[in-house]
Amino acid sequence: MRCSLVAFVLASTALAYQVTSPNANQGWTNSGAQLVSWERVSTDASNFTILLINQVKEVFDSADDQNYSQVLASLVQGGLGTISVNAPSGGWPTGSSYRVNLVKSAQETSTIYAQSPEFNIIAVASSSAASGSSTTLSSSSSTAAKS
């Protein structure tokens, strides 16, 4: 009985959405749009909403006791397999222990179709070196001689 239950659980997890990126080895940066990739089978829901979550309260500033949860995209077509998501209005938060959840809708975030492994969002240094340029303004004065 126990063996058949384990086999059922393993089989059912193979037949569902699976987030392939981001993951523990391939996180995000706080610069620009980021990619979310997944695999699916034909029996999965046709669309979903992408949430960025973090359940480790120490990594974000919040006066209340809520976990970080931000809708990144709604009504995503499952057949796409990958989508580029833009930063939330406050920009990408940096830190560790972030996850991407594929959920039923923005109103039904507890119906989770898939969850990524934990990943980091790291700050990127400016790729262009600071260059100092100086502009010299010169003023010329002309003195008109009166004759």
Protein backbone atom coordinates (compact mmCIF):
# COMPACT_ATOMS: atom_id res chain seq x y z
CA MET A 1 0.00 0.00 0.00
CA ARG A 2 2.73 2.47 0.97
CA CYS A 3 4.67 1.67 -2.21
CA SER A 4 1.66 2.35 -4.43
CA LEU A 5 1.03 5.66 -2.66
CA VAL A 6 4.62 6.76 -3.30
CA ALA A 7 4.31 5.72 -6.95
CA PHE A 8 1.07 7.72 -7.27
CA VAL A 9 2.65 10.83 -5.75
CA LEU A 10 5.68 10.56 -8.04
CA ALA A 11 3.50 10.04 -11.10
CA SER A 12 1.25 12.97 -10.25
CA THR A 13 4.19 15.35 -9.83
CA ALA A 14 5.49 14.38 -13.26
CA LEU A 15 2.19 15.48 -14.80
CA ALA A 16 2.12 19.08 -13.71
CA TYR A 17 3.70 22.43 -14.41
CA GLN A 18 7.36 22.57 -13.40
CA VAL A 19 9.31 25.82 -13.12
CA THR A 20 12.72 25.31 -14.74
CA SER A 21 14.04 28.86 -14.34
CA PRO A 22 14.77 30.68 -12.09
CA ASN A 23 16.36 28.09 -9.82
CA ALA A 24 19.09 27.75 -7.20
CA ASN A 25 21.82 27.85 -9.87
CA GLN A 26 20.24 30.50 -12.09
CA GLY A 27 18.81 33.40 -10.13
CA TRP A 28 17.93 36.92 -11.18
CA THR A 29 19.54 40.33 -11.02
CA ASN A 30 17.87 43.59 -10.06
CA SER A 31 18.41 44.98 -13.55
CA GLY A 32 15.91 44.79 -16.38
CA ALA A 33 13.37 42.12 -17.27
CA GLN A 34 13.85 38.53 -16.05
CA LEU A 35 12.95 35.18 -17.61
CA VAL A 36 10.58 32.61 -16.15
CA SER A 37 10.60 29.20 -17.87
CA TRP A 38 8.47 26.13 -17.26
CA GLU A 39 7.43 22.76 -18.61
CA ARG A 40 3.87 21.50 -18.86
CA VAL A 41 1.70 18.71 -20.18
CA SER A 42 -1.51 19.04 -22.16
CA THR A 43 -3.72 18.39 -19.12
CA ASP A 44 -2.36 21.40 -17.21
CA ALA A 45 -4.42 24.58 -16.97
CA SER A 46 -4.18 26.71 -20.10
CA ASN A 47 -3.08 29.85 -18.26
CA PHE A 48 -1.79 31.02 -14.89
CA THR A 49 -0.48 34.00 -12.94
CA ILE A 50 3.17 34.41 -11.96
CA LEU A 51 3.94 35.50 -8.39
CA LEU A 52 7.28 36.44 -6.88
CA ILE A 53 7.24 35.40 -3.23
CA ASN A 54 9.54 35.38 -0.24
CA GLN A 55 8.56 33.79 3.04
CA VAL A 56 11.73 34.77 4.92
CA LYS A 57 10.67 37.97 6.62
CA GLU A 58 14.20 39.24 7.31
CA VAL A 59 14.95 39.90 3.65
CA PHE A 60 12.43 42.64 3.01
CA ASP A 61 11.22 45.75 4.74
CA SER A 62 7.71 45.37 5.98
CA ALA A 63 6.02 46.84 8.99
CA ASP A 64 3.41 44.11 9.05
CA ASP A 65 3.77 40.37 9.47
CA GLN A 66 2.97 39.48 5.86
CA ASN A 67 5.23 37.57 3.50
CA TYR A 68 6.42 39.27 0.32
CA SER A 69 4.15 38.45 -2.62
CA GLN A 70 4.04 40.35 -5.90
CA VAL A 71 2.08 39.57 -9.09
CA LEU A 72 4.50 39.71 -12.03
CA ALA A 73 2.21 38.58 -14.87
CA SER A 74 -1.43 37.49 -15.23
CA LEU A 75 -3.18 35.25 -17.74
CA VAL A 76 0.10 33.80 -18.97
CA GLN A 77 -0.47 31.21 -21.71
CA GLY A 78 0.96 27.90 -20.51
CA GLY A 79 1.99 26.82 -23.99
CA LEU A 80 4.58 29.61 -24.22
CA GLY A 81 7.11 27.79 -22.03
CA THR A 82 8.96 31.00 -21.18
CA ILE A 83 8.13 34.65 -20.59
CA SER A 84 10.05 37.80 -19.80
CA VAL A 85 8.66 39.58 -16.74
CA ASN A 86 9.23 43.21 -15.87
CA ALA A 87 10.21 44.48 -12.44
CA PRO A 88 7.48 45.36 -9.96
CA SER A 89 6.72 49.06 -9.53
CA GLY A 90 9.30 49.44 -6.76
CA GLY A 91 11.98 47.61 -8.74
CA TRP A 92 13.40 44.16 -8.12
CA PRO A 93 14.02 43.51 -4.43
CA THR A 94 17.41 41.96 -3.72
CA GLY A 95 18.13 39.11 -1.36
CA SER A 96 17.81 35.38 -0.96
CA SER A 97 15.00 32.85 -0.54
CA TYR A 98 12.82 34.13 -3.39
CA ARG A 99 10.54 31.76 -5.32
CA VAL A 100 8.32 32.03 -8.36
CA ASN A 101 4.86 30.52 -7.98
CA LEU A 102 2.61 29.69 -10.92
CA VAL A 103 -0.88 30.13 -9.47
CA LYS A 104 -4.45 29.93 -10.71
CA SER A 105 -5.06 33.71 -10.71
CA ALA A 106 -4.21 36.93 -8.91
CA GLN A 107 -7.35 36.37 -6.82
CA GLU A 108 -6.60 32.69 -6.12
CA THR A 109 -2.95 32.68 -5.11
CA SER A 110 -3.35 29.69 -2.79
CA THR A 111 -4.03 27.42 -5.79
CA ILE A 112 -0.41 26.78 -6.72
CA TYR A 113 0.32 24.91 -9.96
CA ALA A 114 4.11 24.98 -9.53
CA GLN A 115 6.80 26.56 -7.40
CA SER A 116 10.41 27.25 -8.29
CA PRO A 117 13.28 26.31 -6.02
CA GLU A 118 14.60 29.17 -3.89
CA PHE A 119 16.85 31.60 -5.76
CA ASN A 120 18.66 34.88 -5.18
CA ILE A 121 18.08 38.29 -6.69
CA ILE A 122 21.43 40.05 -6.73
CA ALA A 123 22.34 43.67 -7.29
CA VAL A 124 24.44 44.28 -10.35
CA ALA A 125 27.22 46.81 -10.43
CA SER A 126 27.03 49.44 -13.08
CA SER A 127 28.62 48.05 -16.22
CA SER A 128 29.93 51.39 -17.34
CA ALA A 129 32.83 52.89 -15.51
CA ALA A 130 32.24 56.28 -14.11
CA SER A 131 33.90 58.73 -16.38
CA GLY A 132 34.53 62.24 -15.39
CA SER A 133 34.25 64.81 -18.03
CA SER A 134 34.73 68.42 -17.58
CA THR A 135 33.39 71.11 -19.71
CA THR A 136 35.21 74.37 -19.69
CA LEU A 137 33.08 77.34 -20.31
CA SER A 138 34.94 80.35 -21.45
CA SER A 139 33.55 83.75 -21.66
CA SER A 140 35.14 86.36 -23.75
CA SER A 141 34.80 89.95 -23.08
CA SER A 142 35.38 92.50 -25.65
CA THR A 143 36.24 95.98 -24.85
CA ALA A 144 35.13 98.47 -27.37
CA ALA A 145 37.42 101.35 -27.76
CA LYS A 146 35.73 104.64 -28.01
CA SER A 147 37.20 106.97 -30.40
